[in-house]
Amino acid sequence: MRKFISILLIVFVSIFAFWFWWNFYYTYSEGNRSGMLQKMSHKGNIFKTYEGEMVLNSLLINGSAPISSEKFYFSVAEETLGKKLGQFEGLRLVVHYQEKKGTLPWRGDSKYIVDSICEVRGVNGETINKPK
C-alpha cells in the first residue's frame, strides 16, 4: 500500500510539473511587432515588472501619424531591457516577443514577453539603431 501511494504521489507531482511548465514556460508563439512605443512603466506591489504599450500602425499620414492603429501590450522580464526601452518612448521600434500561455506575477501582467529590440526608427522612419 505504501508503494502504491508513493507511485501515485510521483505521478501527480509529475503531471502538475508538466502542466505548470506547459502553461507558464512553454513558448506558444514568437515573432516581431513593429510600432511606436507609447508607454513604458515599472510597476507592481510585490514584484516590480516593466510593462509597455506599443501602437501598431497600419496606415500613416505623412509618414508619422497613425490613422488606424491597434495597441500591443507587453511585459519585459529583463531589467536592463526594460530601462533601455524606456529611453525609446515616442520612437518607432521593431521588437521580438515570445507569447506564453499564462502569466506569472514575477514576469509581468501580459503573456507577451519582449526579449529583444530588433530595430529603432526615428519619427520619419529613418533607422537610428539596428542591434546585431
Protein backbone atom coordinates (compact mmCIF):
# COMPACT_ATOMS: atom_id res chain seq x y z
CA MET A 1 0.00 0.00 0.00
CA ARG A 2 2.84 2.38 0.85
CA LYS A 3 4.49 1.73 -2.53
CA PHE A 4 1.20 2.43 -4.35
CA ILE A 5 0.77 5.77 -2.56
CA SER A 6 4.37 6.72 -3.35
CA ILE A 7 3.91 5.92 -7.05
CA LEU A 8 0.58 7.79 -7.13
CA LEU A 9 2.20 10.82 -5.48
CA ILE A 10 5.07 10.79 -8.00
CA VAL A 11 2.58 10.59 -10.88
CA PHE A 12 0.53 13.54 -9.55
CA VAL A 13 3.63 15.67 -8.94
CA SER A 14 4.91 14.85 -12.46
CA ILE A 15 1.58 15.77 -14.04
CA PHE A 16 1.45 19.04 -12.07
CA ALA A 17 5.06 19.90 -13.02
CA PHE A 18 4.34 19.26 -16.70
CA TRP A 19 1.13 21.34 -16.55
CA PHE A 20 2.97 24.22 -14.82
CA TRP A 21 5.77 24.18 -17.40
CA TRP A 22 3.28 23.96 -20.29
CA ASN A 23 1.17 26.91 -19.09
CA PHE A 24 3.87 29.28 -17.86
CA TYR A 25 7.21 28.49 -19.55
CA TYR A 26 6.41 26.89 -22.90
CA THR A 27 6.63 29.43 -25.75
CA TYR A 28 3.31 29.21 -27.57
CA SER A 29 4.39 31.59 -30.35
CA GLU A 30 7.09 34.13 -31.10
CA GLY A 31 7.63 36.87 -33.62
CA ASN A 32 8.25 40.56 -34.22
CA ARG A 33 6.00 43.57 -33.72
CA SER A 34 6.54 46.98 -35.22
CA GLY A 35 5.09 50.24 -33.96
CA MET A 36 5.56 53.35 -31.87
CA LEU A 37 6.46 52.81 -28.22
CA GLN A 38 3.82 54.80 -26.40
CA LYS A 39 4.39 53.85 -22.77
CA MET A 40 6.88 52.05 -20.52
CA SER A 41 6.31 51.67 -16.80
CA HIS A 42 7.89 49.88 -13.86
CA LYS A 43 5.06 48.76 -11.61
CA GLY A 44 3.88 46.18 -9.12
CA ASN A 45 3.17 45.79 -5.40
CA ILE A 46 5.47 42.89 -4.56
CA PHE A 47 7.10 42.02 -7.88
CA LYS A 48 8.16 45.11 -9.87
CA THR A 49 7.94 44.43 -13.59
CA TYR A 50 8.36 46.50 -16.73
CA GLU A 51 5.14 46.90 -18.73
CA GLY A 52 4.92 48.50 -22.15
CA GLU A 53 2.43 49.62 -24.74
CA MET A 54 3.07 49.98 -28.45
CA VAL A 55 0.79 51.49 -31.06
CA LEU A 56 0.94 49.22 -34.10
CA ASN A 57 0.49 51.36 -37.19
CA SER A 58 -1.30 50.14 -40.24
CA LEU A 59 -1.71 53.43 -42.14
CA LEU A 60 0.35 56.60 -41.70
CA ILE A 61 -0.32 60.23 -42.60
CA ASN A 62 2.83 61.99 -43.88
CA GLY A 63 4.89 59.03 -42.65
CA SER A 64 4.49 59.82 -38.96
CA ALA A 65 0.91 59.98 -37.62
CA PRO A 66 -1.04 56.71 -37.49
CA ILE A 67 -4.60 56.70 -38.85
CA SER A 68 -5.73 53.25 -37.81
CA SER A 69 -3.92 51.51 -35.04
CA GLU A 70 -4.03 48.65 -32.60
CA LYS A 71 -2.30 48.52 -29.23
CA PHE A 72 0.19 45.82 -28.27
CA TYR A 73 0.58 45.38 -24.51
CA PHE A 74 3.69 43.54 -23.36
CA SER A 75 5.91 42.78 -20.39
CA VAL A 76 9.70 42.81 -20.16
CA ALA A 77 11.37 40.23 -17.90
CA GLU A 78 14.90 41.70 -18.00
CA GLU A 79 15.56 44.92 -16.08
CA THR A 80 18.28 46.18 -18.47
CA LEU A 81 15.98 45.77 -21.49
CA GLY A 82 13.11 47.49 -19.66
CA LYS A 83 15.29 50.52 -18.88
CA LYS A 84 16.61 50.60 -22.46
CA LEU A 85 13.09 50.52 -23.89
CA GLY A 86 12.15 53.43 -21.61
CA GLN A 87 14.67 55.59 -23.48
CA PHE A 88 12.89 54.95 -26.80
CA GLU A 89 9.41 56.21 -25.89
CA GLY A 90 7.86 58.05 -28.82
CA LEU A 91 10.05 56.29 -31.40
CA ARG A 92 9.14 53.52 -33.81
CA LEU A 93 10.55 50.13 -32.84
CA VAL A 94 10.66 46.56 -34.02
CA VAL A 95 10.73 44.20 -31.04
CA HIS A 96 10.95 40.42 -30.74
CA TYR A 97 8.46 38.77 -28.38
CA GLN A 98 7.51 35.37 -27.02
CA GLU A 99 3.90 34.53 -26.22
CA LYS A 100 3.32 32.31 -23.20
CA LYS A 101 0.03 30.57 -22.39
CA GLY A 102 -0.24 32.16 -18.94
CA THR A 103 1.23 34.92 -16.77
CA LEU A 104 3.31 34.76 -13.61
CA PRO A 105 3.45 37.66 -11.10
CA TRP A 106 7.26 37.97 -11.30
CA ARG A 107 7.25 38.01 -15.11
CA GLY A 108 4.61 40.68 -15.73
CA ASP A 109 0.93 41.30 -16.48
CA SER A 110 1.00 40.25 -20.12
CA LYS A 111 1.50 36.88 -21.75
CA TYR A 112 3.60 38.67 -24.41
CA ILE A 113 7.22 38.89 -23.20
CA VAL A 114 9.55 41.17 -25.18
CA ASP A 115 13.07 39.76 -25.13
CA SER A 116 14.96 41.99 -27.60
CA ILE A 117 14.89 45.12 -29.72
CA CYS A 118 15.38 44.42 -33.43
CA GLU A 119 15.40 47.98 -34.76
CA VAL A 120 14.81 51.58 -33.66
CA ARG A 121 13.47 54.11 -36.15
CA GLY A 122 13.03 57.84 -35.89
CA VAL A 123 9.75 59.70 -36.32
CA ASN A 124 10.29 59.92 -40.09
CA GLY A 125 11.16 56.23 -40.44
CA GLU A 126 14.96 56.54 -40.65
CA THR A 127 16.86 53.75 -38.91
CA ILE A 128 18.54 55.04 -35.75
CA ASN A 129 19.83 51.78 -34.29
CA LYS A 130 19.83 48.24 -35.64
CA PRO A 131 21.36 45.97 -32.96
CA LYS A 132 23.19 42.85 -34.12
